[in-house]
């Protein structure tokens, strides 16, 4: 309870040099704060939400389904680059219409999550029949392939990276998205499909013996985990407004 109170109070006080009791106003969170100081306190909050959401997606795959995924950063990268390409002038400049693909954060974020989920399904269907170290090696290879593709594609601007992505700083909506994601993941885990994933993690042979389709359960976990990874990646792109392939290496996973 104390941590909850401190977390709620954090935005009102942290790094606001001009904020005093005589000018404090609950209706204006920036009372006594400059734009610069607001960015200082909002930065850690947004980054916390981004990586928290990424971790929740990975927890579906590695925690509840028990799949050793060493290449989860691939979905993070797909979500980030989808946001970068569809919400900046990069694509438009190549066809002579700079503003054609500047679609806005709230539209592109769902495209980014869907693109990552599709990639998870596309990759998961043929490879999740593997187990243990073999699956880990396959996922690691997938992430490296994605990184090299992003490095060599002209549309992604290669090693020079993507820039000019409109920055999104509304931490309130990111908080709502994160809490909503927690609720959705909780519902999934308590559904039949979520219980199938946990059963496969505990003992795949025993789960199959009572009628659980382990391949379907693992593919579903991989796809849903990829969805939330892409969601986090799109937030990452919108906050840091610059992307390059080196940001999505093995250490990110």
C-alpha atoms as a PDB file:
ATOM      1  CA  UNK A   1       0.000   0.000   0.000  1.00  0.00           C
ATOM      2  CA  UNK A   2       2.840   2.379   0.824  1.00  0.00           C
ATOM      3  CA  UNK A   3       4.537   1.663  -2.508  1.00  0.00           C
ATOM      4  CA  UNK A   4       1.249   2.341  -4.268  1.00  0.00           C
ATOM      5  CA  UNK A   5       0.883   5.726  -2.578  1.00  0.00           C
ATOM      6  CA  UNK A   6       4.478   6.647  -3.411  1.00  0.00           C
ATOM      7  CA  UNK A   7       4.031   5.568  -7.033  1.00  0.00           C
ATOM      8  CA  UNK A   8       0.928   7.741  -7.333  1.00  0.00           C
ATOM      9  CA  UNK A   9       2.661  10.743  -5.764  1.00  0.00           C
ATOM     10  CA  UNK A  10       5.840  10.347  -7.822  1.00  0.00           C
ATOM     11  CA  UNK A  11       4.788  12.460 -10.856  1.00  0.00           C
ATOM     12  CA  UNK A  12       3.726  15.380  -8.642  1.00  0.00           C
ATOM     13  CA  UNK A  13       7.021  15.877  -6.868  1.00  0.00           C
ATOM     14  CA  UNK A  14       9.949  14.186  -8.627  1.00  0.00           C
ATOM     15  CA  UNK A  15      12.377  16.677 -10.214  1.00  0.00           C
ATOM     16  CA  UNK A  16      10.030  19.658 -10.156  1.00  0.00           C
ATOM     17  CA  UNK A  17      12.328  22.396  -8.809  1.00  0.00           C
ATOM     18  CA  UNK A  18       9.655  25.093  -8.633  1.00  0.00           C
ATOM     19  CA  UNK A  19       6.940  22.991  -7.049  1.00  0.00           C
ATOM     20  CA  UNK A  20       6.054  24.156  -3.531  1.00  0.00           C
ATOM     21  CA  UNK A  21       3.089  23.731  -1.252  1.00  0.00           C
ATOM     22  CA  UNK A  22       1.910  27.290  -1.893  1.00  0.00           C
ATOM     23  CA  UNK A  23       1.523  26.714  -5.642  1.00  0.00           C
ATOM     24  CA  UNK A  24       0.564  23.038  -5.623  1.00  0.00           C
ATOM     25  CA  UNK A  25      -2.616  22.188  -7.533  1.00  0.00           C
ATOM     26  CA  UNK A  26      -3.951  18.663  -8.073  1.00  0.00           C
ATOM     27  CA  UNK A  27      -5.707  19.859 -11.218  1.00  0.00           C
ATOM     28  CA  UNK A  28      -2.410  20.845 -12.801  1.00  0.00           C
ATOM     29  CA  UNK A  29       0.243  18.157 -12.505  1.00  0.00           C
ATOM     30  CA  UNK A  30       2.844  20.513 -13.972  1.00  0.00           C
ATOM     31  CA  UNK A  31       2.279  23.279 -11.417  1.00  0.00           C
ATOM     32  CA  UNK A  32       5.602  24.965 -10.802  1.00  0.00           C
ATOM     33  CA  UNK A  33       7.366  22.675 -13.296  1.00  0.00           C
ATOM     34  CA  UNK A  34       8.921  23.615 -16.600  1.00  0.00           C
ATOM     35  CA  UNK A  35       8.457  21.473 -19.710  1.00  0.00           C
ATOM     36  CA  UNK A  36      12.027  20.260 -19.267  1.00  0.00           C
ATOM     37  CA  UNK A  37      11.463  19.063 -15.718  1.00  0.00           C
ATOM     38  CA  UNK A  38       8.223  17.351 -16.766  1.00  0.00           C
ATOM     39  CA  UNK A  39      10.149  15.381 -19.374  1.00  0.00           C
ATOM     40  CA  UNK A  40      12.704  14.448 -16.719  1.00  0.00           C
ATOM     41  CA  UNK A  41      10.154  12.779 -14.475  1.00  0.00           C
ATOM     42  CA  UNK A  42       7.993  11.354 -17.217  1.00  0.00           C
ATOM     43  CA  UNK A  43      10.913   9.575 -18.896  1.00  0.00           C
ATOM     44  CA  UNK A  44      11.482   6.866 -16.258  1.00  0.00           C
ATOM     45  CA  UNK A  45       7.722   6.246 -15.998  1.00  0.00           C
ATOM     46  CA  UNK A  46       7.283   5.675 -19.733  1.00  0.00           C
ATOM     47  CA  UNK A  47      10.362   3.460 -19.991  1.00  0.00           C
ATOM     48  CA  UNK A  48       9.059   1.450 -17.029  1.00  0.00           C
ATOM     49  CA  UNK A  49       5.742   0.869 -18.801  1.00  0.00           C
ATOM     50  CA  UNK A  50       7.450  -0.099 -22.080  1.00  0.00           C
ATOM     51  CA  UNK A  51       9.757  -2.698 -20.579  1.00  0.00           C
ATOM     52  CA  UNK A  52       7.086  -3.894 -18.169  1.00  0.00           C
ATOM     53  CA  UNK A  53       4.804  -4.631 -21.104  1.00  0.00           C
ATOM     54  CA  UNK A  54       7.626  -6.351 -22.969  1.00  0.00           C
ATOM     55  CA  UNK A  55       8.362  -8.483 -19.909  1.00  0.00           C
ATOM     56  CA  UNK A  56       4.701  -9.482 -19.574  1.00  0.00           C
ATOM     57  CA  UNK A  57       4.677 -10.670 -23.187  1.00  0.00           C
ATOM     58  CA  UNK A  58       7.860 -12.657 -22.656  1.00  0.00           C
ATOM     59  CA  UNK A  59       6.394 -14.127 -19.469  1.00  0.00           C
ATOM     60  CA  UNK A  60       3.557 -15.681 -21.483  1.00  0.00           C
ATOM     61  CA  UNK A  61       6.087 -17.461 -23.699  1.00  0.00           C
ATOM     62  CA  UNK A  62       8.868 -18.325 -21.272  1.00  0.00           C
ATOM     63  CA  UNK A  63       7.036 -18.252 -17.949  1.00  0.00           C
ATOM     64  CA  UNK A  64       3.631 -19.800 -18.518  1.00  0.00           C
ATOM     65  CA  UNK A  65       4.257 -21.859 -21.653  1.00  0.00           C
ATOM     66  CA  UNK A  66       7.808 -22.782 -20.638  1.00  0.00           C
ATOM     67  CA  UNK A  67       9.354 -22.021 -24.046  1.00  0.00           C
ATOM     68  CA  UNK A  68      12.985 -20.941 -23.914  1.00  0.00           C
ATOM     69  CA  UNK A  69      12.757 -17.981 -26.294  1.00  0.00           C
ATOM     70  CA  UNK A  70      16.121 -16.272 -26.730  1.00  0.00           C
ATOM     71  CA  UNK A  71      14.923 -14.201 -29.682  1.00  0.00           C
ATOM     72  CA  UNK A  72      11.945 -12.365 -28.205  1.00  0.00           C
ATOM     73  CA  UNK A  73      13.528  -9.063 -29.206  1.00  0.00           C
ATOM     74  CA  UNK A  74      12.569  -9.855 -32.816  1.00  0.00           C
ATOM     75  CA  UNK A  75       8.914  -9.074 -32.065  1.00  0.00           C
ATOM     76  CA  UNK A  76       9.923  -5.959 -30.168  1.00  0.00           C
ATOM     77  CA  UNK A  77      11.857  -4.846 -33.268  1.00  0.00           C
ATOM     78  CA  UNK A  78       8.998  -5.633 -35.652  1.00  0.00           C
ATOM     79  CA  UNK A  79       6.597  -3.553 -33.583  1.00  0.00           C
ATOM     80  CA  UNK A  80       9.080  -0.691 -33.335  1.00  0.00           C
ATOM     81  CA  UNK A  81       9.880  -0.602 -37.051  1.00  0.00           C
ATOM     82  CA  UNK A  82       6.217  -0.876 -38.010  1.00  0.00           C
ATOM     83  CA  UNK A  83       5.564   2.218 -35.916  1.00  0.00           C
ATOM     84  CA  UNK A  84       8.631   3.907 -37.414  1.00  0.00           C
ATOM     85  CA  UNK A  85       7.631   3.205 -41.016  1.00  0.00           C
ATOM     86  CA  UNK A  86       3.907   3.960 -40.737  1.00  0.00           C
ATOM     87  CA  UNK A  87       4.172   7.016 -38.503  1.00  0.00           C
ATOM     88  CA  UNK A  88       7.069   8.883 -40.094  1.00  0.00           C
ATOM     89  CA  UNK A  89       7.993  10.232 -43.521  1.00  0.00           C
ATOM     90  CA  UNK A  90      10.390   7.403 -44.340  1.00  0.00           C
ATOM     91  CA  UNK A  91       8.026   5.461 -46.617  1.00  0.00           C
ATOM     92  CA  UNK A  92       6.422   8.569 -48.069  1.00  0.00           C
ATOM     93  CA  UNK A  93       9.761  10.096 -49.053  1.00  0.00           C
ATOM     94  CA  UNK A  94      10.532   7.075 -51.200  1.00  0.00           C
ATOM     95  CA  UNK A  95       7.417   7.549 -53.300  1.00  0.00           C
ATOM     96  CA  UNK A  96       7.417  11.347 -53.359  1.00  0.00           C
ATOM     97  CA  UNK A  97       4.594  11.887 -50.858  1.00  0.00           C
ATOM     98  CA  UNK A  98       6.206  12.493 -47.440  1.00  0.00           C
ATOM     99  CA  UNK A  99       3.033  12.619 -45.337  1.00  0.00           C
ATOM    100  CA  UNK A 100       1.251   9.658 -46.919  1.00  0.00           C
ATOM    101  CA  UNK A 101       2.146   7.180 -44.156  1.00  0.00           C
ATOM    102  CA  UNK A 102       2.099   9.450 -41.115  1.00  0.00           C
ATOM    103  CA  UNK A 103      -0.953   7.697 -39.690  1.00  0.00           C
ATOM    104  CA  UNK A 104      -0.653   8.621 -36.014  1.00  0.00           C
ATOM    105  CA  UNK A 105       0.233   6.706 -32.874  1.00  0.00           C
ATOM    106  CA  UNK A 106      -3.214   5.368 -31.965  1.00  0.00           C
ATOM    107  CA  UNK A 107      -3.769   3.793 -35.372  1.00  0.00           C
ATOM    108  CA  UNK A 108      -0.296   2.418 -36.010  1.00  0.00           C
ATOM    109  CA  UNK A 109       0.117   0.847 -32.569  1.00  0.00           C
ATOM    110  CA  UNK A 110      -2.446  -1.831 -33.469  1.00  0.00           C
ATOM    111  CA  UNK A 111      -0.834  -2.456 -36.852  1.00  0.00           C
ATOM    112  CA  UNK A 112       2.495  -2.886 -35.054  1.00  0.00           C
ATOM    113  CA  UNK A 113       1.071  -5.364 -32.534  1.00  0.00           C
ATOM    114  CA  UNK A 114      -0.716  -7.299 -35.302  1.00  0.00           C
ATOM    115  CA  UNK A 115       2.448  -7.439 -37.440  1.00  0.00           C
ATOM    116  CA  UNK A 116       4.426  -8.855 -34.507  1.00  0.00           C
ATOM    117  CA  UNK A 117       1.668 -11.382 -33.736  1.00  0.00           C
ATOM    118  CA  UNK A 118       1.599 -12.509 -37.367  1.00  0.00           C
ATOM    119  CA  UNK A 119       5.382 -12.931 -37.283  1.00  0.00           C
ATOM    120  CA  UNK A 120       5.012 -14.991 -34.101  1.00  0.00           C
ATOM    121  CA  UNK A 121       2.425 -17.225 -35.767  1.00  0.00           C
ATOM    122  CA  UNK A 122       4.478 -17.516 -38.950  1.00  0.00           C
ATOM    123  CA  UNK A 123       7.586 -18.504 -37.063  1.00  0.00           C
ATOM    124  CA  UNK A 124       5.942 -20.489 -34.303  1.00  0.00           C
ATOM    125  CA  UNK A 125       3.891 -22.876 -36.425  1.00  0.00           C
ATOM    126  CA  UNK A 126       6.850 -24.762 -37.985  1.00  0.00           C
ATOM    127  CA  UNK A 127       9.424 -24.420 -35.196  1.00  0.00           C
ATOM    128  CA  UNK A 128       7.552 -24.994 -31.944  1.00  0.00           C
ATOM    129  CA  UNK A 129       7.672 -28.739 -32.496  1.00  0.00           C
ATOM    130  CA  UNK A 130      11.243 -28.347 -31.280  1.00  0.00           C
ATOM    131  CA  UNK A 131      12.019 -28.572 -27.587  1.00  0.00           C
ATOM    132  CA  UNK A 132      14.588 -27.313 -25.103  1.00  0.00           C
ATOM    133  CA  UNK A 133      17.911 -26.143 -26.463  1.00  0.00           C
ATOM    134  CA  UNK A 134      16.873 -26.737 -30.056  1.00  0.00           C
ATOM    135  CA  UNK A 135      14.019 -24.265 -29.725  1.00  0.00           C
ATOM    136  CA  UNK A 136      16.309 -21.756 -28.009  1.00  0.00           C
ATOM    137  CA  UNK A 137      18.786 -21.944 -30.896  1.00  0.00           C
ATOM    138  CA  UNK A 138      15.992 -21.553 -33.455  1.00  0.00           C
ATOM    139  CA  UNK A 139      14.572 -18.454 -31.737  1.00  0.00           C
ATOM    140  CA  UNK A 140      18.041 -16.958 -31.412  1.00  0.00           C
ATOM    141  CA  UNK A 141      18.587 -17.474 -35.132  1.00  0.00           C
ATOM    142  CA  UNK A 142      15.224 -15.893 -35.923  1.00  0.00           C
ATOM    143  CA  UNK A 143      16.077 -12.742 -33.986  1.00  0.00           C
ATOM    144  CA  UNK A 144      19.419 -12.430 -35.731  1.00  0.00           C
ATOM    145  CA  UNK A 145      17.772 -12.882 -39.137  1.00  0.00           C
ATOM    146  CA  UNK A 146      15.313 -10.090 -38.349  1.00  0.00           C
ATOM    147  CA  UNK A 147      18.133  -7.793 -37.239  1.00  0.00           C
ATOM    148  CA  UNK A 148      20.187  -8.469 -40.386  1.00  0.00           C
ATOM    149  CA  UNK A 149      17.147  -7.919 -42.606  1.00  0.00           C
ATOM    150  CA  UNK A 150      16.476  -4.564 -40.935  1.00  0.00           C
ATOM    151  CA  UNK A 151      20.142  -3.704 -41.363  1.00  0.00           C
ATOM    152  CA  UNK A 152      20.121  -4.365 -45.100  1.00  0.00           C
ATOM    153  CA  UNK A 153      16.708  -3.165 -46.241  1.00  0.00           C
ATOM    154  CA  UNK A 154      16.632   0.173 -48.023  1.00  0.00           C
ATOM    155  CA  UNK A 155      13.139   0.852 -46.749  1.00  0.00           C
ATOM    156  CA  UNK A 156      14.385   0.813 -43.134  1.00  0.00           C
ATOM    157  CA  UNK A 157      17.317   3.090 -44.000  1.00  0.00           C
ATOM    158  CA  UNK A 158      19.751   0.345 -43.011  1.00  0.00           C
ATOM    159  CA  UNK A 159      22.426   1.094 -40.451  1.00  0.00           C
ATOM    160  CA  UNK A 160      21.631   4.824 -40.565  1.00  0.00           C
ATOM    161  CA  UNK A 161      18.324   4.052 -38.856  1.00  0.00           C
ATOM    162  CA  UNK A 162      14.907   5.659 -38.841  1.00  0.00           C
ATOM    163  CA  UNK A 163      14.406   9.117 -37.410  1.00  0.00           C
ATOM    164  CA  UNK A 164      11.663  11.714 -37.257  1.00  0.00           C
ATOM    165  CA  UNK A 165       9.111   9.441 -35.581  1.00  0.00           C
ATOM    166  CA  UNK A 166       6.568  11.642 -33.765  1.00  0.00           C
ATOM    167  CA  UNK A 167       7.187  11.443 -30.036  1.00  0.00           C
ATOM    168  CA  UNK A 168       4.423  10.261 -27.722  1.00  0.00           C
ATOM    169  CA  UNK A 169       4.715  11.422 -24.113  1.00  0.00           C
ATOM    170  CA  UNK A 170       1.262  10.821 -22.654  1.00  0.00           C
ATOM    171  CA  UNK A 171       2.177   8.509 -19.779  1.00  0.00           C
ATOM    172  CA  UNK A 172      -1.454   8.349 -18.605  1.00  0.00           C
ATOM    173  CA  UNK A 173      -2.583   6.480 -21.718  1.00  0.00           C
ATOM    174  CA  UNK A 174       0.480   4.237 -21.586  1.00  0.00           C
ATOM    175  CA  UNK A 175      -0.514   3.412 -18.009  1.00  0.00           C
ATOM    176  CA  UNK A 176      -4.030   2.533 -19.187  1.00  0.00           C
ATOM    177  CA  UNK A 177      -2.605   0.321 -21.955  1.00  0.00           C
ATOM    178  CA  UNK A 178      -0.302  -1.442 -19.506  1.00  0.00           C
ATOM    179  CA  UNK A 179      -3.041  -2.079 -16.941  1.00  0.00           C
ATOM    180  CA  UNK A 180      -5.383  -3.236 -19.710  1.00  0.00           C
ATOM    181  CA  UNK A 181      -2.698  -5.630 -20.929  1.00  0.00           C
ATOM    182  CA  UNK A 182      -2.299  -7.068 -17.421  1.00  0.00           C
ATOM    183  CA  UNK A 183      -6.056  -7.675 -17.298  1.00  0.00           C
ATOM    184  CA  UNK A 184      -6.137  -9.320 -20.741  1.00  0.00           C
ATOM    185  CA  UNK A 185      -3.163 -11.553 -19.972  1.00  0.00           C
ATOM    186  CA  UNK A 186      -4.744 -12.563 -16.670  1.00  0.00           C
ATOM    187  CA  UNK A 187      -7.959 -13.528 -18.445  1.00  0.00           C
ATOM    188  CA  UNK A 188      -6.018 -15.533 -21.007  1.00  0.00           C
ATOM    189  CA  UNK A 189      -4.115 -17.439 -18.334  1.00  0.00           C
ATOM    190  CA  UNK A 190      -7.358 -18.386 -16.585  1.00  0.00           C
ATOM    191  CA  UNK A 191      -8.996 -19.511 -19.808  1.00  0.00           C
ATOM    192  CA  UNK A 192      -8.861 -23.031 -21.227  1.00  0.00           C
ATOM    193  CA  UNK A 193      -6.071 -22.041 -23.612  1.00  0.00           C
ATOM    194  CA  UNK A 194      -4.021 -20.505 -20.819  1.00  0.00           C
ATOM    195  CA  UNK A 195      -4.402 -23.635 -18.699  1.00  0.00           C
ATOM    196  CA  UNK A 196      -3.312 -25.687 -21.716  1.00  0.00           C
ATOM    197  CA  UNK A 197      -0.104 -23.633 -21.920  1.00  0.00           C
ATOM    198  CA  UNK A 198       0.624 -24.174 -18.214  1.00  0.00           C
ATOM    199  CA  UNK A 199      -0.089 -27.896 -18.544  1.00  0.00           C
ATOM    200  CA  UNK A 200       2.343 -28.152 -21.454  1.00  0.00           C
ATOM    201  CA  UNK A 201       4.980 -26.364 -19.402  1.00  0.00           C
ATOM    202  CA  UNK A 202       4.565 -28.731 -16.472  1.00  0.00           C
ATOM    203  CA  UNK A 203       4.601 -31.960 -18.480  1.00  0.00           C
ATOM    204  CA  UNK A 204       4.034 -31.946 -22.215  1.00  0.00           C
ATOM    205  CA  UNK A 205       3.621 -35.719 -22.540  1.00  0.00           C
ATOM    206  CA  UNK A 206       1.093 -35.873 -19.702  1.00  0.00           C
ATOM    207  CA  UNK A 207      -0.796 -32.898 -21.157  1.00  0.00           C
ATOM    208  CA  UNK A 208      -1.046 -34.568 -24.549  1.00  0.00           C
ATOM    209  CA  UNK A 209      -2.244 -37.777 -22.929  1.00  0.00           C
ATOM    210  CA  UNK A 210      -5.322 -35.978 -21.593  1.00  0.00           C
ATOM    211  CA  UNK A 211      -6.159 -34.323 -24.901  1.00  0.00           C
ATOM    212  CA  UNK A 212      -4.142 -31.078 -24.908  1.00  0.00           C
ATOM    213  CA  UNK A 213      -2.820 -30.138 -28.337  1.00  0.00           C
ATOM    214  CA  UNK A 214       0.659 -29.037 -27.280  1.00  0.00           C
ATOM    215  CA  UNK A 215       1.631 -27.587 -30.664  1.00  0.00           C
ATOM    216  CA  UNK A 216      -1.486 -25.437 -30.778  1.00  0.00           C
ATOM    217  CA  UNK A 217      -1.015 -24.301 -27.173  1.00  0.00           C
ATOM    218  CA  UNK A 218       2.613 -23.324 -27.760  1.00  0.00           C
ATOM    219  CA  UNK A 219       1.814 -21.552 -31.031  1.00  0.00           C
ATOM    220  CA  UNK A 220      -0.965 -19.584 -29.344  1.00  0.00           C
ATOM    221  CA  UNK A 221       1.337 -18.569 -26.475  1.00  0.00           C
ATOM    222  CA  UNK A 222       4.024 -17.550 -28.961  1.00  0.00           C
ATOM    223  CA  UNK A 223       1.564 -15.473 -30.988  1.00  0.00           C
ATOM    224  CA  UNK A 224       0.016 -13.697 -28.007  1.00  0.00           C
ATOM    225  CA  UNK A 225       3.431 -13.067 -26.480  1.00  0.00           C
ATOM    226  CA  UNK A 226       4.573 -11.608 -29.795  1.00  0.00           C
ATOM    227  CA  UNK A 227       1.503  -9.342 -29.864  1.00  0.00           C
ATOM    228  CA  UNK A 228       2.459  -7.706 -26.572  1.00  0.00           C
ATOM    229  CA  UNK A 229       6.097  -7.551 -27.645  1.00  0.00           C
ATOM    230  CA  UNK A 230       5.045  -5.633 -30.744  1.00  0.00           C
ATOM    231  CA  UNK A 231       2.868  -3.355 -28.634  1.00  0.00           C
ATOM    232  CA  UNK A 232       5.846  -2.541 -26.414  1.00  0.00           C
ATOM    233  CA  UNK A 233       8.063  -2.032 -29.465  1.00  0.00           C
ATOM    234  CA  UNK A 234       5.680   0.488 -30.981  1.00  0.00           C
ATOM    235  CA  UNK A 235       5.708   2.459 -27.710  1.00  0.00           C
ATOM    236  CA  UNK A 236       9.502   2.299 -27.695  1.00  0.00           C
ATOM    237  CA  UNK A 237       9.694   3.769 -31.202  1.00  0.00           C
ATOM    238  CA  UNK A 238       7.266   6.547 -30.348  1.00  0.00           C
ATOM    239  CA  UNK A 239       9.117   7.530 -27.204  1.00  0.00           C
ATOM    240  CA  UNK A 240      12.706   7.388 -28.426  1.00  0.00           C
ATOM    241  CA  UNK A 241      11.763   8.619 -31.977  1.00  0.00           C
ATOM    242  CA  UNK A 242      14.882   7.007 -33.469  1.00  0.00           C
ATOM    243  CA  UNK A 243      15.554   3.377 -34.395  1.00  0.00           C
ATOM    244  CA  UNK A 244      18.531   1.426 -35.658  1.00  0.00           C
ATOM    245  CA  UNK A 245      19.041  -2.346 -35.944  1.00  0.00           C
ATOM    246  CA  UNK A 246      21.803  -2.430 -33.311  1.00  0.00           C
ATOM    247  CA  UNK A 247      19.220  -1.536 -30.657  1.00  0.00           C
ATOM    248  CA  UNK A 248      17.623  -4.957 -31.068  1.00  0.00           C
ATOM    249  CA  UNK A 249      20.491  -7.339 -30.425  1.00  0.00           C
ATOM    250  CA  UNK A 250      20.679 -10.447 -28.257  1.00  0.00           C
ATOM    251  CA  UNK A 251      21.232  -8.512 -25.016  1.00  0.00           C
ATOM    252  CA  UNK A 252      17.841  -6.839 -25.452  1.00  0.00           C
ATOM    253  CA  UNK A 253      16.209 -10.285 -25.284  1.00  0.00           C
END
